[in-house]
Protein backbone atom coordinates (compact mmCIF):
# COMPACT_ATOMS: atom_id res chain seq x y z
CA MET A 1 69.21 28.14 -186.49
CA GLY A 2 71.74 27.53 -183.31
CA GLU A 3 71.53 26.30 -179.73
CA LYS A 4 68.24 26.81 -177.90
CA LYS A 5 68.25 29.76 -175.29
CA THR A 6 67.36 29.04 -171.78
CA ILE A 7 65.02 30.65 -170.37
CA LEU A 8 64.77 29.97 -165.87
CA CYS A 9 61.07 30.20 -164.71
CA VAL A 10 60.40 31.10 -161.04
CA ASP A 11 56.97 30.40 -159.12
CA ASP A 12 55.36 28.86 -155.95
CA ASP A 13 52.58 28.02 -157.90
CA GLU A 14 53.25 24.45 -160.44
CA GLN A 15 49.75 25.41 -162.16
CA LEU A 16 51.95 28.79 -163.77
CA ARG A 17 55.35 26.65 -163.95
CA GLY A 18 53.42 24.37 -166.91
CA PHE A 19 52.21 27.20 -168.59
CA TYR A 20 55.75 29.08 -168.69
CA SER A 21 56.92 25.57 -170.17
CA CYS A 22 53.94 24.66 -172.04
CA VAL A 23 54.45 28.12 -174.14
CA LEU A 24 58.09 28.61 -173.89
CA GLY A 25 59.32 24.78 -174.47
CA ASN A 26 59.13 24.84 -177.90
CA ASN A 27 61.49 27.50 -178.81
CA TYR A 28 63.31 28.01 -175.83
CA ASN A 29 65.18 25.45 -173.09
CA VAL A 30 62.68 26.13 -170.57
CA MET A 31 64.74 25.19 -166.74
CA THR A 32 61.69 26.20 -163.46
CA ALA A 33 62.22 26.37 -159.75
CA ASP A 34 59.36 26.09 -156.83
CA GLY A 35 61.11 29.15 -155.06
CA GLY A 36 64.06 31.78 -155.13
CA LEU A 37 66.54 29.10 -152.94
CA ALA A 38 65.71 26.24 -155.81
CA ALA A 39 66.02 28.86 -158.94
CA LEU A 40 69.26 30.26 -156.36
CA ALA A 41 70.64 26.43 -156.83
CA LEU A 42 69.93 25.91 -160.38
CA LEU A 43 72.01 29.34 -160.84
CA ASP A 44 74.99 27.30 -159.38
CA THR A 45 74.90 25.42 -162.01
CA ALA A 46 74.58 26.52 -165.05
CA LYS A 47 73.32 30.29 -166.40
CA PRO A 48 70.10 31.25 -168.09
CA ASP A 49 69.54 33.81 -170.92
CA LEU A 50 66.77 35.27 -169.42
CA LEU A 51 65.00 35.12 -165.81
CA ILE A 52 61.31 35.02 -165.29
CA SER A 53 60.34 35.38 -161.48
CA ASP A 54 57.08 35.84 -159.31
CA CYS A 55 57.36 38.27 -157.85
CA GLN A 56 55.59 37.00 -154.37
CA MET A 57 56.71 33.91 -153.17
CA PRO A 58 57.56 31.91 -150.07
CA GLY A 59 60.88 32.16 -148.38
CA MET A 60 62.53 34.20 -150.75
CA ASN A 61 60.33 36.26 -152.85
CA GLY A 62 61.34 37.83 -156.18
CA PHE A 63 62.91 40.87 -155.52
CA GLU A 64 65.05 38.91 -153.56
CA LEU A 65 66.17 36.64 -156.18
CA VAL A 66 66.40 38.89 -158.92
CA GLY A 67 69.03 40.91 -156.04
CA LYS A 68 71.08 37.59 -155.81
CA ALA A 69 71.14 36.58 -159.16
CA ARG A 70 72.11 39.96 -160.77
CA LEU A 71 74.68 39.91 -157.87
CA GLN A 72 75.99 36.69 -159.91
CA TYR A 73 75.30 37.51 -163.55
CA PRO A 74 74.93 40.95 -164.17
CA ASP A 75 73.92 41.02 -167.02
CA LEU A 76 71.19 38.24 -166.70
CA ASP A 77 67.83 39.83 -168.10
CA CYS A 78 65.05 39.85 -165.63
CA ILE A 79 60.63 39.45 -165.74
CA MET A 80 59.55 39.74 -163.11
CA ALA A 81 55.62 39.00 -162.64
CA SER A 82 52.89 39.37 -160.18
CA GLY A 83 49.59 39.30 -159.42
CA THR A 84 48.84 42.35 -157.78
CA TRP A 85 51.95 45.38 -157.66
CA GLU A 86 50.27 47.21 -154.83
CA SER A 87 52.47 47.85 -151.90
CA GLU A 88 55.72 50.38 -152.39
CA ASN A 89 57.90 47.10 -151.19
CA GLN A 90 56.82 45.21 -154.52
CA SER A 91 56.36 47.62 -157.09
CA PRO A 92 57.30 48.37 -160.58
CA ASP A 93 59.35 51.06 -159.88
CA LEU A 94 61.91 48.73 -157.31
CA ALA A 95 61.72 45.94 -159.41
CA HIS A 96 63.42 48.32 -162.39
CA ALA A 97 65.73 49.72 -159.65
CA LEU A 98 66.64 46.43 -159.36
CA GLY A 99 68.23 45.47 -162.68
CA VAL A 100 64.04 43.67 -163.83
CA LYS A 101 63.51 44.64 -167.93
CA GLU A 102 60.05 44.14 -167.72
CA CYS A 103 56.79 43.90 -164.96
CA LEU A 104 53.83 41.53 -165.85
CA THR A 105 50.78 41.90 -164.00
CA LYS A 106 49.21 37.98 -163.89
CA PRO A 107 47.48 36.39 -165.43
CA PHE A 108 48.79 37.68 -168.93
CA SER A 109 48.33 35.92 -172.39
CA PRO A 110 50.61 33.20 -173.97
CA SER A 111 50.92 35.81 -176.71
CA ALA A 112 52.08 38.44 -173.82
CA LEU A 113 54.49 36.57 -172.46
CA ARG A 114 55.74 35.55 -176.26
CA THR A 115 55.97 39.20 -177.16
CA THR A 116 58.13 40.51 -173.42
CA VAL A 117 60.50 37.28 -173.95
CA GLN A 118 60.69 37.72 -177.90
CA LYS A 119 62.52 41.69 -177.02
CA TYR A 120 65.35 39.91 -175.20
CA LEU A 121 65.49 36.44 -176.65
CA ALA A 122 65.90 34.98 -180.11
CA PRO A 123 64.36 33.32 -181.54
CA VAL A 124 61.81 35.48 -182.77
CA PHE A 125 58.27 33.80 -183.06
CA PRO A 126 56.13 33.14 -186.24
CA ALA A 127 53.46 36.13 -186.74
CA THR A 128 51.37 32.80 -186.94
CA LEU A 129 51.87 32.25 -182.99
CA LEU A 130 51.77 35.60 -182.12
């Protein structure tokens, strides 16, 4: 099967970071960060295969993070998650303009997360896990 792909999951909610690790950790190397600045520090040391970021975080929001991450790694696939997509400043259209591939609305199920991730990264999850 080869080496596991790496996903950087960024969210200021500790429980959601745990959710990402739990749901994706068996099939991928999962790195987590509690905000944009911490994520940028990780990006300076290693390039993940996929970035999943919360939209609204203190300090640096997900849009700023994705913009900076894609300047450093233009081919980095990104997924953004938000509990609300209501404002013009934080919309799926803006996310897509920054190069975000998918926009997830929280809460989302483990199977929705797996299905979205597998569009961009191998390995494909066994059908019994979906």
